[in-house]
Amino acid sequence: MPAPTFGRILIDAERLDRTCNAYFKWKDLNTYISDNSHRGINMPDAISEPLGCYCLGLEWNRGSEAGDATDPKTGKKVEFKATSRFEGDLSSFGPDCWFDNLVFLRFNLEQDLLYVYDLKINSVDFGSYPANKTETIDDQKRQGRRPHVSLQALFVDAKHLDPTVVFDIRRQRITVDNRK
């Protein structure tokens, strides 16, 4: 039997419910592993990406299209970076990572809230940001490396950003909406 093909997916009520249920299963497993290991497990993109899409009205890219999501109004490609460490993050970017817009998804596991930050930056402009004290993100990408940066430090803290959206995972609803 051939593998199913996927394209863009709209996050409807049923998929949202399944994704929120998966979040709580992941959270239980992450708690167990964190209690018995030095670190937890990464937030799966199968949880973070559909939640980000739902919050911003985007279509989830599950086919061969570039980017994690597409804005159905503009066709722009969106890259999501998520962290389950609310007080700190480290995101990596592949040498060929390209996007029209970058969105930072910051999970608060204690309160089961998702803070969504639409950073409104494309991969070209993002490349000029520092990867370390002597190199930019683009410098490292040109070397074939995967720069690791803190989106919280570079954007949220440095620019004193408020979240674009806050989503209550338990109640499955947006509680704060700062979109303009």
N, C-alpha and C. Protein backbone atom coordinates (compact mmCIF):
# COMPACT_ATOMS: atom_id res chain seq x y z
N MET A 1 0.85 -1.17 0.00
CA MET A 1 0.00 0.00 0.00
C MET A 1 0.90 1.24 0.00
N PRO A 2 0.66 2.19 -0.90
CA PRO A 2 1.51 3.39 -0.94
C PRO A 2 1.26 4.29 0.26
N ALA A 3 2.30 5.00 0.62
CA ALA A 3 2.19 5.94 1.75
C ALA A 3 1.24 7.06 1.38
N PRO A 4 0.47 7.55 2.35
CA PRO A 4 -0.46 8.64 2.04
C PRO A 4 0.32 9.92 1.71
N THR A 5 -0.27 10.72 0.85
CA THR A 5 0.32 12.01 0.53
C THR A 5 -0.46 13.09 1.25
N PHE A 6 0.26 14.10 1.69
CA PHE A 6 -0.36 15.18 2.43
C PHE A 6 -0.01 16.49 1.75
N GLY A 7 -0.82 17.45 1.95
CA GLY A 7 -0.56 18.79 1.47
C GLY A 7 -0.72 19.75 2.63
N ARG A 8 -1.45 20.81 2.39
CA ARG A 8 -1.75 21.76 3.46
C ARG A 8 -2.98 21.29 4.22
N ILE A 9 -2.91 21.44 5.55
CA ILE A 9 -4.00 20.99 6.41
C ILE A 9 -4.51 22.16 7.23
N LEU A 10 -5.81 22.37 7.20
CA LEU A 10 -6.45 23.36 8.06
C LEU A 10 -6.71 22.71 9.41
N ILE A 11 -6.38 23.40 10.48
CA ILE A 11 -6.56 22.83 11.82
C ILE A 11 -8.01 23.10 12.26
N ASP A 12 -8.83 22.06 12.14
CA ASP A 12 -10.24 22.17 12.53
C ASP A 12 -10.40 21.75 13.99
N ALA A 13 -11.62 21.77 14.48
CA ALA A 13 -11.90 21.47 15.89
C ALA A 13 -11.45 20.06 16.27
N GLU A 14 -11.66 19.09 15.39
CA GLU A 14 -11.27 17.71 15.70
C GLU A 14 -9.75 17.58 15.80
N ARG A 15 -9.03 18.16 14.85
CA ARG A 15 -7.56 18.07 14.89
C ARG A 15 -7.01 18.84 16.08
N LEU A 16 -7.64 19.98 16.41
CA LEU A 16 -7.22 20.74 17.58
C LEU A 16 -7.38 19.91 18.85
N ASP A 17 -8.51 19.26 18.98
CA ASP A 17 -8.77 18.42 20.16
C ASP A 17 -7.75 17.29 20.25
N ARG A 18 -7.48 16.62 19.15
CA ARG A 18 -6.50 15.52 19.13
C ARG A 18 -5.10 16.03 19.48
N THR A 19 -4.75 17.21 18.98
CA THR A 19 -3.43 17.78 19.24
C THR A 19 -3.29 18.16 20.71
N CYS A 20 -4.32 18.76 21.29
CA CYS A 20 -4.27 19.12 22.71
C CYS A 20 -4.19 17.87 23.58
N ASN A 21 -4.90 16.82 23.21
CA ASN A 21 -4.80 15.55 23.94
C ASN A 21 -3.39 14.97 23.83
N ALA A 22 -2.79 15.07 22.65
CA ALA A 22 -1.41 14.58 22.47
C ALA A 22 -0.44 15.39 23.32
N TYR A 23 -0.69 16.69 23.45
CA TYR A 23 0.17 17.53 24.30
C TYR A 23 0.21 16.99 25.73
N PHE A 24 -0.95 16.64 26.29
CA PHE A 24 -0.98 16.16 27.67
C PHE A 24 -0.31 14.78 27.80
N LYS A 25 -0.40 13.95 26.79
CA LYS A 25 0.32 12.67 26.82
C LYS A 25 1.82 12.91 26.75
N TRP A 26 2.25 13.82 25.85
CA TRP A 26 3.67 14.17 25.76
C TRP A 26 4.15 14.74 27.09
N LYS A 27 3.34 15.61 27.70
CA LYS A 27 3.74 16.25 28.96
C LYS A 27 3.95 15.21 30.05
N ASP A 28 3.08 14.22 30.15
CA ASP A 28 3.24 13.14 31.13
C ASP A 28 4.53 12.36 30.89
N LEU A 29 4.79 12.02 29.63
CA LEU A 29 6.02 11.30 29.29
C LEU A 29 7.24 12.16 29.58
N ASN A 30 7.19 13.42 29.21
CA ASN A 30 8.30 14.34 29.45
C ASN A 30 8.59 14.48 30.95
N THR A 31 7.54 14.54 31.76
CA THR A 31 7.72 14.63 33.22
C THR A 31 8.42 13.38 33.74
N TYR A 32 7.98 12.23 33.29
CA TYR A 32 8.61 10.98 33.73
C TYR A 32 10.08 10.95 33.34
N ILE A 33 10.38 11.28 32.09
CA ILE A 33 11.77 11.24 31.62
C ILE A 33 12.60 12.29 32.34
N SER A 34 12.07 13.48 32.52
CA SER A 34 12.80 14.54 33.23
C SER A 34 13.12 14.15 34.66
N ASP A 35 12.22 13.42 35.30
CA ASP A 35 12.44 12.97 36.67
C ASP A 35 13.50 11.88 36.77
N ASN A 36 13.79 11.21 35.66
CA ASN A 36 14.71 10.08 35.67
C ASN A 36 15.92 10.27 34.76
N SER A 37 16.12 11.47 34.28
CA SER A 37 17.21 11.74 33.36
C SER A 37 17.68 13.18 33.57
N HIS A 38 18.72 13.55 32.85
CA HIS A 38 19.24 14.91 32.97
C HIS A 38 18.43 15.91 32.18
N ARG A 39 17.65 15.45 31.23
CA ARG A 39 16.86 16.37 30.42
C ARG A 39 15.60 15.69 29.93
N GLY A 40 14.65 16.51 29.52
CA GLY A 40 13.40 15.99 29.00
C GLY A 40 13.50 15.71 27.51
N ILE A 41 12.34 15.58 26.88
CA ILE A 41 12.29 15.33 25.44
C ILE A 41 11.76 16.56 24.73
N ASN A 42 12.23 16.77 23.52
CA ASN A 42 11.81 17.93 22.75
C ASN A 42 10.32 17.90 22.49
N MET A 43 9.77 19.09 22.34
CA MET A 43 8.37 19.22 21.96
C MET A 43 8.23 18.74 20.51
N PRO A 44 7.40 17.75 20.25
CA PRO A 44 7.23 17.26 18.87
C PRO A 44 6.57 18.30 17.98
N ASP A 45 7.06 18.39 16.75
CA ASP A 45 6.47 19.34 15.81
C ASP A 45 5.02 18.96 15.47
N ALA A 46 4.67 17.69 15.64
CA ALA A 46 3.28 17.27 15.40
C ALA A 46 2.33 17.84 16.45
N ILE A 47 2.86 18.41 17.52
CA ILE A 47 2.05 19.11 18.52
C ILE A 47 2.20 20.62 18.35
N SER A 48 3.42 21.11 18.30
CA SER A 48 3.64 22.55 18.27
C SER A 48 3.13 23.21 16.98
N GLU A 49 3.39 22.58 15.84
CA GLU A 49 3.02 23.22 14.57
C GLU A 49 1.52 23.37 14.38
N PRO A 50 0.70 22.32 14.62
CA PRO A 50 -0.75 22.55 14.46
C PRO A 50 -1.30 23.57 15.45
N LEU A 51 -0.75 23.63 16.67
CA LEU A 51 -1.22 24.64 17.62
C LEU A 51 -0.86 26.04 17.13
N GLY A 52 0.37 26.21 16.62
CA GLY A 52 0.76 27.50 16.05
C GLY A 52 -0.12 27.88 14.87
N CYS A 53 -0.41 26.92 14.01
CA CYS A 53 -1.29 27.18 12.86
C CYS A 53 -2.67 27.61 13.31
N TYR A 54 -3.22 26.89 14.27
CA TYR A 54 -4.56 27.24 14.77
C TYR A 54 -4.58 28.67 15.31
N CYS A 55 -3.58 29.00 16.11
CA CYS A 55 -3.55 30.33 16.75
C CYS A 55 -3.43 31.47 15.76
N LEU A 56 -2.76 31.23 14.64
CA LEU A 56 -2.52 32.32 13.68
C LEU A 56 -3.32 32.17 12.39
N GLY A 57 -4.18 31.17 12.31
CA GLY A 57 -5.00 30.99 11.11
C GLY A 57 -4.20 30.56 9.89
N LEU A 58 -3.18 29.73 10.10
CA LEU A 58 -2.31 29.27 9.02
C LEU A 58 -2.66 27.84 8.63
N GLU A 59 -2.21 27.44 7.44
CA GLU A 59 -2.37 26.06 7.00
C GLU A 59 -1.07 25.32 7.29
N TRP A 60 -1.20 24.12 7.85
CA TRP A 60 -0.05 23.31 8.23
C TRP A 60 0.48 22.60 7.00
N ASN A 61 1.76 22.76 6.70
CA ASN A 61 2.38 22.12 5.55
C ASN A 61 2.81 20.71 5.91
N ARG A 62 2.14 19.73 5.36
CA ARG A 62 2.50 18.33 5.62
C ARG A 62 2.96 17.64 4.35
N GLY A 63 3.15 18.39 3.29
CA GLY A 63 3.63 17.81 2.04
C GLY A 63 5.07 18.21 1.80
N SER A 64 5.41 18.41 0.54
CA SER A 64 6.78 18.72 0.17
C SER A 64 7.05 20.22 0.08
N GLU A 65 6.07 21.03 0.42
CA GLU A 65 6.25 22.49 0.39
C GLU A 65 7.27 22.94 1.41
N ALA A 66 7.93 24.05 1.10
CA ALA A 66 8.87 24.64 2.05
C ALA A 66 8.11 25.21 3.24
N GLY A 67 8.77 25.24 4.38
CA GLY A 67 8.19 25.85 5.57
C GLY A 67 7.27 24.91 6.32
N ASP A 68 7.01 25.29 7.56
CA ASP A 68 6.13 24.50 8.41
C ASP A 68 4.66 24.81 8.16
N ALA A 69 4.40 26.04 7.68
CA ALA A 69 3.03 26.48 7.47
C ALA A 69 3.00 27.48 6.33
N THR A 70 1.78 27.73 5.85
CA THR A 70 1.56 28.72 4.80
C THR A 70 0.43 29.63 5.23
N ASP A 71 0.62 30.93 5.01
CA ASP A 71 -0.46 31.89 5.24
C ASP A 71 -1.39 31.81 4.04
N PRO A 72 -2.64 31.37 4.24
CA PRO A 72 -3.53 31.18 3.10
C PRO A 72 -3.90 32.49 2.39
N LYS A 73 -3.74 33.61 3.08
CA LYS A 73 -4.08 34.91 2.48
C LYS A 73 -2.96 35.45 1.60
N THR A 74 -1.70 35.16 1.99
CA THR A 74 -0.56 35.74 1.27
C THR A 74 0.32 34.72 0.57
N GLY A 75 0.20 33.44 0.95
CA GLY A 75 1.07 32.41 0.39
C GLY A 75 2.45 32.39 1.02
N LYS A 76 2.69 33.24 2.02
CA LYS A 76 4.02 33.30 2.65
C LYS A 76 4.29 32.04 3.47
N LYS A 77 5.57 31.63 3.45
CA LYS A 77 6.01 30.44 4.17
C LYS A 77 6.43 30.82 5.58
N VAL A 78 5.96 30.04 6.55
CA VAL A 78 6.20 30.32 7.96
C VAL A 78 7.02 29.19 8.56
N GLU A 79 8.02 29.57 9.34
CA GLU A 79 8.85 28.62 10.08
C GLU A 79 8.51 28.76 11.56
N PHE A 80 8.21 27.63 12.22
CA PHE A 80 7.96 27.62 13.65
C PHE A 80 9.20 27.11 14.38
N LYS A 81 9.50 27.72 15.51
CA LYS A 81 10.49 27.20 16.45
C LYS A 81 9.82 27.19 17.81
N ALA A 82 9.86 26.03 18.47
CA ALA A 82 9.14 25.85 19.73
C ALA A 82 10.10 25.48 20.84
N THR A 83 9.72 25.88 22.06
CA THR A 83 10.46 25.47 23.24
C THR A 83 9.48 25.10 24.36
N SER A 84 9.86 24.06 25.09
CA SER A 84 9.07 23.69 26.27
C SER A 84 9.77 24.18 27.54
N ARG A 85 10.87 24.89 27.38
CA ARG A 85 11.56 25.53 28.52
C ARG A 85 11.15 26.99 28.52
N PHE A 86 10.20 27.35 29.33
CA PHE A 86 9.62 28.70 29.29
C PHE A 86 10.65 29.77 29.60
N GLU A 87 11.61 29.47 30.43
CA GLU A 87 12.61 30.48 30.83
C GLU A 87 13.89 30.41 30.02
N GLY A 88 13.87 29.80 28.88
CA GLY A 88 15.06 29.77 28.05
C GLY A 88 14.89 28.81 26.89
N ASP A 89 15.48 29.14 25.78
CA ASP A 89 15.35 28.29 24.60
C ASP A 89 16.66 28.25 23.84
N LEU A 90 16.76 27.32 22.94
CA LEU A 90 17.86 27.24 22.00
C LEU A 90 17.29 26.61 20.73
N SER A 91 17.24 27.40 19.66
CA SER A 91 16.70 26.92 18.39
C SER A 91 17.82 26.81 17.39
N SER A 92 17.77 25.79 16.56
CA SER A 92 18.79 25.63 15.52
C SER A 92 18.15 25.82 14.16
N PHE A 93 18.99 26.26 13.22
CA PHE A 93 18.53 26.57 11.87
C PHE A 93 19.48 25.91 10.88
N GLY A 94 18.94 25.06 10.03
CA GLY A 94 19.76 24.38 9.03
C GLY A 94 20.32 25.35 8.01
N PRO A 95 21.40 24.95 7.35
CA PRO A 95 22.04 25.83 6.37
C PRO A 95 21.13 26.26 5.23
N ASP A 96 20.12 25.45 4.91
CA ASP A 96 19.22 25.79 3.81
C ASP A 96 17.85 26.26 4.29
N CYS A 97 17.74 26.59 5.57
CA CYS A 97 16.45 27.01 6.13
C CYS A 97 16.04 28.36 5.54
N TRP A 98 14.88 28.40 4.92
CA TRP A 98 14.37 29.60 4.26
C TRP A 98 12.92 29.83 4.68
N PHE A 99 12.56 31.08 4.97
CA PHE A 99 11.18 31.38 5.37
C PHE A 99 10.88 32.86 5.12
N ASP A 100 9.58 33.12 4.97
CA ASP A 100 9.10 34.50 4.86
C ASP A 100 8.84 35.10 6.23
N ASN A 101 8.53 34.23 7.20
CA ASN A 101 8.20 34.71 8.54
C ASN A 101 8.57 33.65 9.57
N LEU A 102 9.08 34.12 10.69
CA LEU A 102 9.48 33.24 11.79
C LEU A 102 8.55 33.45 12.97
N VAL A 103 8.06 32.34 13.53
CA VAL A 103 7.15 32.38 14.69
C VAL A 103 7.76 31.55 15.81
N PHE A 104 7.82 32.14 16.99
CA PHE A 104 8.38 31.48 18.18
C PHE A 104 7.23 31.00 19.05
N LEU A 105 7.21 29.71 19.36
CA LEU A 105 6.18 29.08 20.18
C LEU A 105 6.80 28.71 21.52
N ARG A 106 6.30 29.34 22.58
CA ARG A 106 6.88 29.19 23.91
C ARG A 106 5.84 28.58 24.85
N PHE A 107 6.08 27.31 25.21
CA PHE A 107 5.12 26.58 26.04
C PHE A 107 5.41 26.79 27.52
N ASN A 108 4.36 27.11 28.27
CA ASN A 108 4.43 27.18 29.73
C ASN A 108 3.78 25.89 30.24
N LEU A 109 4.60 24.92 30.62
CA LEU A 109 4.09 23.61 31.01
C LEU A 109 3.37 23.63 32.35
N GLU A 110 3.72 24.55 33.23
CA GLU A 110 3.06 24.62 34.53
C GLU A 110 1.61 25.08 34.40
N GLN A 111 1.37 25.99 33.48
CA GLN A 111 0.02 26.54 33.32
C GLN A 111 -0.70 26.02 32.08
N ASP A 112 -0.03 25.17 31.30
CA ASP A 112 -0.58 24.64 30.05
C ASP A 112 -1.04 25.76 29.12
N LEU A 113 -0.13 26.70 28.92
CA LEU A 113 -0.37 27.83 28.03
C LEU A 113 0.68 27.84 26.93
N LEU A 114 0.28 28.28 25.76
CA LEU A 114 1.20 28.48 24.65
C LEU A 114 1.25 29.97 24.34
N TYR A 115 2.45 30.53 24.41
CA TYR A 115 2.69 31.93 24.05
C TYR A 115 3.24 31.93 22.63
N VAL A 116 2.53 32.59 21.73
CA VAL A 116 2.90 32.64 20.32
C VAL A 116 3.43 34.04 20.01
N TYR A 117 4.66 34.09 19.49
CA TYR A 117 5.28 35.36 19.12
C TYR A 117 5.51 35.36 17.62
N ASP A 118 4.75 36.18 16.90
CA ASP A 118 4.99 36.38 15.47
C ASP A 118 6.13 37.37 15.37
N LEU A 119 7.32 36.89 15.02
CA LEU A 119 8.52 37.73 15.04
C LEU A 119 8.62 38.65 13.83
N LYS A 120 7.80 38.40 12.82
CA LYS A 120 7.74 39.27 11.64
C LYS A 120 9.12 39.52 11.03
N ILE A 121 9.85 38.43 10.83
CA ILE A 121 11.18 38.53 10.24
C ILE A 121 11.37 37.37 9.25
N ASN A 122 11.99 37.67 8.11
CA ASN A 122 12.25 36.63 7.12
C ASN A 122 13.68 36.10 7.30
N SER A 123 13.99 35.04 6.58
CA SER A 123 15.28 34.38 6.76
C SER A 123 16.45 35.25 6.32
N VAL A 124 16.25 36.15 5.35
CA VAL A 124 17.34 37.03 4.91
C VAL A 124 17.70 38.01 6.03
N ASP A 125 16.70 38.69 6.57
CA ASP A 125 16.96 39.63 7.66
C ASP A 125 17.43 38.92 8.93
N PHE A 126 16.88 37.76 9.19
CA PHE A 126 17.26 36.98 10.36
C PHE A 126 18.74 36.60 10.31
N GLY A 127 19.26 36.35 9.11
CA GLY A 127 20.64 35.95 8.94
C GLY A 127 21.66 36.94 9.45
N SER A 128 21.28 38.20 9.59
CA SER A 128 22.22 39.22 10.06
C SER A 128 22.34 39.27 11.58
N TYR A 129 21.52 38.51 12.28
CA TYR A 129 21.59 38.48 13.75
C TYR A 129 22.79 37.65 14.20
N PRO A 130 23.30 37.93 15.41
CA PRO A 130 24.49 37.20 15.88
C PRO A 130 24.17 35.76 16.27
N ALA A 131 25.07 34.87 15.86
CA ALA A 131 25.02 33.49 16.32
C ALA A 131 25.92 33.32 17.53
N ASN A 132 26.96 34.14 17.59
CA ASN A 132 27.86 34.20 18.73
C ASN A 132 28.53 35.57 18.71
N LYS A 133 29.60 35.75 19.46
CA LYS A 133 30.23 37.07 19.55
C LYS A 133 30.94 37.49 18.27
N THR A 134 31.31 36.55 17.42
CA THR A 134 32.09 36.90 16.23
C THR A 134 31.42 36.56 14.90
N GLU A 135 30.33 35.78 14.92
CA GLU A 135 29.70 35.35 13.67
C GLU A 135 28.20 35.62 13.68
N THR A 136 27.68 35.90 12.48
CA THR A 136 26.24 36.03 12.32
C THR A 136 25.65 34.65 12.03
N ILE A 137 24.35 34.59 12.03
CA ILE A 137 23.65 33.35 11.67
C ILE A 137 24.04 32.95 10.25
N ASP A 138 24.05 33.94 9.33
CA ASP A 138 24.43 33.63 7.94
C ASP A 138 25.88 33.17 7.83
N ASP A 139 26.79 33.74 8.61
CA ASP A 139 28.18 33.29 8.59
C ASP A 139 28.25 31.78 8.85
N GLN A 140 27.55 31.34 9.88
CA GLN A 140 27.58 29.92 10.22
C GLN A 140 26.88 29.06 9.17
N LYS A 141 25.77 29.56 8.62
CA LYS A 141 25.06 28.80 7.58
C LYS A 141 25.92 28.63 6.34
N ARG A 142 26.67 29.67 5.97
CA ARG A 142 27.56 29.58 4.80
C ARG A 142 28.66 28.53 5.00
N GLN A 143 29.00 28.26 6.24
CA GLN A 143 30.01 27.24 6.56
C GLN A 143 29.38 25.83 6.63
N GLY A 144 28.08 25.75 6.35
CA GLY A 144 27.39 24.47 6.42
C GLY A 144 27.03 24.07 7.83
N ARG A 145 27.11 24.99 8.76
CA ARG A 145 26.80 24.71 10.16
C ARG A 145 25.34 25.02 10.47
N ARG A 146 24.88 24.57 11.62
CA ARG A 146 23.52 24.84 12.11
C ARG A 146 23.62 25.81 13.28
N PRO A 147 23.44 27.10 13.02
CA PRO A 147 23.52 28.04 14.14
C PRO A 147 22.45 27.75 15.18
N HIS A 148 22.83 27.91 16.46
CA HIS A 148 21.92 27.73 17.59
C HIS A 148 21.80 29.08 18.29
N VAL A 149 20.57 29.58 18.37
CA VAL A 149 20.35 30.89 18.99
C VAL A 149 19.12 30.84 19.89
N SER A 150 19.05 31.80 20.80
CA SER A 150 17.89 31.94 21.67
C SER A 150 16.96 33.00 21.08
N LEU A 151 15.81 32.56 20.60
CA LEU A 151 14.82 33.51 20.08
C LEU A 151 14.24 34.36 21.21
N GLN A 152 14.17 33.78 22.39
CA GLN A 152 13.70 34.54 23.54
C GLN A 152 14.64 35.70 23.81
N ALA A 153 15.94 35.46 23.82
CA ALA A 153 16.92 36.52 24.10
C ALA A 153 16.98 37.53 22.95
N LEU A 154 17.03 37.03 21.69
CA LEU A 154 17.19 37.93 20.54
C LEU A 154 15.97 38.81 20.28
N PHE A 155 14.78 38.30 20.58
CA PHE A 155 13.56 39.02 20.22
C PHE A 155 12.68 39.36 21.41
N VAL A 156 12.21 38.33 22.14
CA VAL A 156 11.23 38.56 23.21
C VAL A 156 11.82 39.47 24.28
N ASP A 157 12.99 39.13 24.81
CA ASP A 157 13.59 39.92 25.87
C ASP A 157 14.18 41.23 25.34
N ALA A 158 14.95 41.15 24.26
CA ALA A 158 15.64 42.34 23.73
C ALA A 158 14.67 43.40 23.24
N LYS A 159 13.54 42.97 22.70
CA LYS A 159 12.58 43.93 22.13
C LYS A 159 11.33 44.10 23.01
N HIS A 160 11.37 43.45 24.18
CA HIS A 160 10.24 43.54 25.13
C HIS A 160 8.92 43.22 24.44
N LEU A 161 8.90 42.08 23.72
CA LEU A 161 7.71 41.70 22.97
C LEU A 161 6.64 41.09 23.86
N ASP A 162 5.43 41.50 23.61
CA ASP A 162 4.27 40.82 24.18
C ASP A 162 3.90 39.70 23.21
N PRO A 163 3.31 38.61 23.72
CA PRO A 163 2.91 37.55 22.80
C PRO A 163 1.83 38.04 21.84
N THR A 164 1.88 37.54 20.63
CA THR A 164 0.86 37.85 19.64
C THR A 164 -0.45 37.20 20.06
N VAL A 165 -0.34 35.97 20.54
CA VAL A 165 -1.49 35.19 20.99
C VAL A 165 -1.06 34.37 22.20
N VAL A 166 -1.97 34.18 23.15
CA VAL A 166 -1.79 33.21 24.22
C VAL A 166 -2.94 32.22 24.10
N PHE A 167 -2.58 30.93 24.05
CA PHE A 167 -3.55 29.87 23.87
C PHE A 167 -3.58 28.99 25.11
N ASP A 168 -4.77 28.78 25.66
CA ASP A 168 -4.98 27.91 26.81
C ASP A 168 -5.21 26.50 26.28
N ILE A 169 -4.24 25.63 26.48
CA ILE A 169 -4.29 24.29 25.90
C ILE A 169 -5.38 23.45 26.56
N ARG A 170 -5.55 23.60 27.85
CA ARG A 170 -6.56 22.81 28.56
C ARG A 170 -7.98 23.18 28.11
N ARG A 171 -8.24 24.46 27.95
CA ARG A 171 -9.58 24.92 27.55
C ARG A 171 -9.75 25.03 26.04
N GLN A 172 -8.65 24.85 25.31
CA GLN A 172 -8.64 24.89 23.85
C GLN A 172 -9.22 26.19 23.31
N ARG A 173 -8.65 27.30 23.85
CA ARG A 173 -9.13 28.59 23.35
C ARG A 173 -8.05 29.65 23.50
N ILE A 174 -8.13 30.63 22.64
CA ILE A 174 -7.22 31.78 22.70
C ILE A 174 -7.71 32.69 23.81
N THR A 175 -6.80 33.05 24.72
CA THR A 175 -7.17 33.92 25.84
C THR A 175 -6.65 35.34 25.67
N VAL A 176 -5.59 35.51 24.88
CA VAL A 176 -5.04 36.82 24.58
C VAL A 176 -4.80 36.88 23.08
N ASP A 177 -5.28 37.95 22.44
CA ASP A 177 -5.10 38.09 21.00
C ASP A 177 -4.65 39.53 20.71
N ASN A 178 -3.37 39.69 20.42
CA ASN A 178 -2.79 41.01 20.14
C ASN A 178 -2.52 41.22 18.65
N ARG A 179 -3.17 40.43 17.80
CA ARG A 179 -2.98 40.61 16.35
C ARG A 179 -3.61 41.93 15.91
N LYS A 180 -2.95 42.54 14.97
CA LYS A 180 -3.48 43.81 14.46
C LYS A 180 -3.91 43.66 13.03
